Amino acid sequence: MGIAVFVLLALGVAAVIAYPLLPGRVPVETVPAVSDADIERAVRRLRRERKGSGLQCPTCGSAYASGDRFCVHCGGALPQPQAAAGGKACPECGAMLRDGDVFCSKCGYRLAGEEVAS
């Protein structure tokens, strides 16, 4: 009797494991595949945006986007925009600040002497 129960349990486990593997079974949830062509299109779009900025790395001459701090090709530090006459720069990261800013939009630094509006 014990052998019969063991055999039935073994067959049940085998059926549970093998059932999803049967031909013609469709997965319940399919993940959309990203093709190589989709990736290449995204890379080309990003490169066009980067070239359109007109900014070039002073070390290697590669184009970079506004706000980048380091070159993606050579790793060199990129020049940061300087504060215009009368303008302020963040003391933490050097990003340009607008009048009335309480926090830096680039690094989140809380600017001294400003009260947070409720």
Foldseek 3Di string as FASTA:
>chain_A
DVVVVVVVVVVVVVCVVCVCVDPPHDDPDDDDDDDPVNVVVVVVVVQVQQVVQVDAAPPPGRGGHQPDQADPPPRHGGDHDAADVVWDADPPPRHTDDPPDQADPPPRHGDPPDDDDD
